[in-house]
Amino acid sequence: MNAIAWFGLLVVVAVAAFSLGAYVTKKKFKQDELEQQANDAKMALDQFRQDVADHLDNTRKLVTRMQDNYTQLLNQVEQTNQLLVVDSTPTSAEPFFSKETTEQLQASLKNRQEKRSDRSNATSQPTDFVEGTSGIFSGQSSENEQIKAS
């Protein structure tokens, strides 16, 4: 029996060693798997950081380009304004009106200012700017009434 006991003990030890080896191997396999997942997560994080850095760099370049375009646009508008702005003083050597007409207009303006200065009383009625009689006060209406009456 001694051999059978030894053989049984050998089988029990073999089964225990096999179970222990399988358990340790599974644990090592899970540890390797977790390390692989951690490495993958680190690589994904590094890739994400690189993508964000690239995106920010592209954004910076686009904003710089937009600022340059805006500056060019402002310069273009400024040049256009300088080309289109017309001096308010007349550049023509010839006057708009002849000398005689200009003198007549200035004389009539002086007369009008003199007439306006006469109306300094604020309670007086407004005056008619037409010299003499005009409209219904000209006397033409009475002639028309006489023609209609006959």
Protein backbone atom coordinates (compact mmCIF):
# COMPACT_ATOMS: atom_id res chain seq x y z
CA MET A 1 0.00 0.00 0.00
CA ASN A 2 2.79 2.09 0.38
CA ALA A 3 3.16 2.53 -3.35
CA ILE A 4 -0.51 3.29 -3.76
CA ALA A 5 -0.28 5.95 -1.04
CA TRP A 6 2.72 7.44 -2.69
CA PHE A 7 0.98 7.36 -6.04
CA GLY A 8 -2.16 9.00 -4.53
CA LEU A 9 -0.06 11.63 -2.86
CA LEU A 10 1.69 12.25 -6.17
CA VAL A 11 -1.66 12.65 -7.96
CA VAL A 12 -2.95 15.03 -5.28
CA VAL A 13 0.26 17.10 -5.44
CA ALA A 14 0.09 17.15 -9.26
CA VAL A 15 -3.54 18.32 -9.22
CA ALA A 16 -2.72 20.99 -6.61
CA ALA A 17 0.32 22.17 -8.62
CA PHE A 18 -1.75 22.25 -11.78
CA SER A 19 -4.51 24.27 -10.07
CA LEU A 20 -1.97 26.62 -8.49
CA GLY A 21 -0.19 27.08 -11.82
CA ALA A 22 -3.46 27.75 -13.63
CA TYR A 23 -4.47 30.29 -10.97
CA VAL A 24 -1.12 32.08 -11.13
CA THR A 25 -1.17 32.00 -14.93
CA LYS A 26 -4.68 33.47 -15.05
CA LYS A 27 -3.67 36.18 -12.60
CA LYS A 28 -0.54 36.95 -14.63
CA PHE A 29 -2.63 36.95 -17.84
CA LYS A 30 -5.11 39.41 -16.28
CA GLN A 31 -2.23 41.56 -15.08
CA ASP A 32 -0.73 41.57 -18.57
CA GLU A 33 -4.14 42.39 -20.01
CA LEU A 34 -4.57 45.28 -17.56
CA GLU A 35 -1.09 46.56 -18.38
CA GLN A 36 -1.98 46.39 -22.08
CA GLN A 37 -5.20 48.33 -21.44
CA ALA A 38 -3.27 50.93 -19.42
CA ASN A 39 -0.73 51.29 -22.24
CA ASP A 40 -3.56 51.61 -24.78
CA ALA A 41 -5.23 54.29 -22.61
CA LYS A 42 -1.92 56.19 -22.34
CA MET A 43 -1.44 56.00 -26.10
CA ALA A 44 -5.03 57.18 -26.67
CA LEU A 45 -4.48 60.06 -24.23
CA ASP A 46 -1.23 61.04 -25.95
CA GLN A 47 -2.96 60.87 -29.34
CA PHE A 48 -5.83 63.01 -28.00
CA ARG A 49 -3.39 65.57 -26.62
CA GLN A 50 -1.59 65.66 -29.97
CA ASP A 51 -4.91 66.11 -31.80
CA VAL A 52 -5.88 68.98 -29.47
CA ALA A 53 -2.46 70.60 -29.94
CA ASP A 54 -2.78 70.28 -33.74
CA HIS A 55 -6.30 71.71 -33.62
CA LEU A 56 -5.18 74.69 -31.53
CA ASP A 57 -2.23 75.27 -33.86
CA ASN A 58 -4.55 75.24 -36.90
CA THR A 59 -6.93 77.60 -35.10
CA ARG A 60 -4.05 79.97 -34.33
CA LYS A 61 -2.98 79.91 -37.99
CA LEU A 62 -6.55 80.58 -39.17
CA VAL A 63 -6.98 83.46 -36.72
CA THR A 64 -3.66 84.93 -37.86
CA ARG A 65 -4.72 84.61 -41.49
CA MET A 66 -8.09 86.19 -40.66
CA GLN A 67 -6.33 89.11 -38.94
CA ASP A 68 -4.12 89.60 -42.00
CA ASN A 69 -7.15 89.52 -44.29
CA TYR A 70 -8.96 91.99 -42.04
CA THR A 71 -5.94 94.30 -42.08
CA GLN A 72 -5.79 94.08 -45.87
CA LEU A 73 -9.52 94.80 -46.05
CA LEU A 74 -9.15 97.88 -43.84
CA ASN A 75 -6.25 99.12 -45.98
CA GLN A 76 -8.29 98.56 -49.13
CA VAL A 77 -11.28 100.44 -47.70
CA GLU A 78 -9.00 103.28 -46.60
CA GLN A 79 -7.46 103.53 -50.07
CA THR A 80 -10.92 103.45 -51.66
CA ASN A 81 -12.10 106.21 -49.32
CA GLN A 82 -9.11 108.32 -50.25
CA LEU A 83 -9.84 107.81 -53.95
CA LEU A 84 -13.55 108.53 -53.64
CA VAL A 85 -13.51 111.46 -51.25
CA VAL A 86 -14.15 114.59 -53.27
CA ASP A 87 -12.95 117.91 -51.98
CA SER A 88 -15.95 120.01 -51.01
CA THR A 89 -14.47 123.16 -52.55
CA PRO A 90 -15.20 123.59 -56.25
CA THR A 91 -12.17 122.89 -58.37
CA SER A 92 -13.63 124.46 -61.49
CA ALA A 93 -11.98 127.68 -62.65
CA GLU A 94 -15.28 128.93 -64.05
CA PRO A 95 -17.97 130.17 -61.64
CA PHE A 96 -21.39 128.54 -61.68
CA PHE A 97 -23.18 131.83 -62.39
CA SER A 98 -21.96 134.76 -64.42
CA LYS A 99 -20.65 137.85 -62.64
CA GLU A 100 -23.82 139.85 -63.29
CA THR A 101 -26.10 137.11 -62.03
CA THR A 102 -24.01 136.68 -58.89
CA GLU A 103 -24.23 140.44 -58.21
CA GLN A 104 -28.00 140.40 -58.70
CA LEU A 105 -28.40 137.44 -56.34
CA GLN A 106 -26.29 139.11 -53.67
CA ALA A 107 -28.28 142.36 -54.00
CA SER A 108 -31.59 140.51 -53.68
CA LEU A 109 -30.29 138.73 -50.59
CA LYS A 110 -29.37 142.04 -49.01
CA ASN A 111 -32.86 143.43 -49.77
CA ARG A 112 -34.49 140.37 -48.27
CA GLN A 113 -32.39 140.64 -45.10
CA GLU A 114 -33.38 144.31 -44.75
CA LYS A 115 -37.06 143.41 -45.06
CA ARG A 116 -36.70 140.67 -42.48
CA SER A 117 -34.99 142.98 -40.01
CA ASP A 118 -38.08 145.26 -40.22
CA ARG A 119 -40.22 142.48 -38.78
CA SER A 120 -38.60 142.53 -35.35
CA ASN A 121 -41.99 142.62 -33.60
CA ALA A 122 -42.97 139.05 -32.72
CA THR A 123 -46.66 139.91 -32.32
CA SER A 124 -47.06 141.18 -35.85
CA GLN A 125 -48.54 139.00 -38.54
CA PRO A 126 -46.26 137.39 -41.10
CA THR A 127 -45.67 139.44 -44.19
CA ASP A 128 -46.12 138.38 -47.77
CA PHE A 129 -42.86 138.08 -49.66
CA VAL A 130 -44.43 139.15 -52.95
CA GLU A 131 -44.20 142.82 -53.86
CA GLY A 132 -47.56 144.44 -54.50
CA THR A 133 -50.85 142.63 -54.64
CA SER A 134 -51.10 138.98 -55.57
CA GLY A 135 -53.56 136.11 -55.57
CA ILE A 136 -57.09 136.93 -54.50
CA PHE A 137 -56.01 140.40 -53.42
CA SER A 138 -54.75 141.43 -56.85
CA GLY A 139 -58.16 142.66 -58.02
CA GLN A 140 -58.43 140.09 -60.80
CA SER A 141 -61.14 138.23 -58.94
CA SER A 142 -63.46 141.29 -59.05
CA GLU A 143 -63.01 141.49 -62.83
CA ASN A 144 -63.84 137.81 -63.12
CA GLU A 145 -66.98 138.35 -61.00
CA GLN A 146 -68.05 141.24 -63.26
CA ILE A 147 -67.60 139.03 -66.34
CA LYS A 148 -69.66 136.26 -64.76
CA ALA A 149 -72.39 138.74 -63.73
CA SER A 150 -72.83 140.00 -67.28
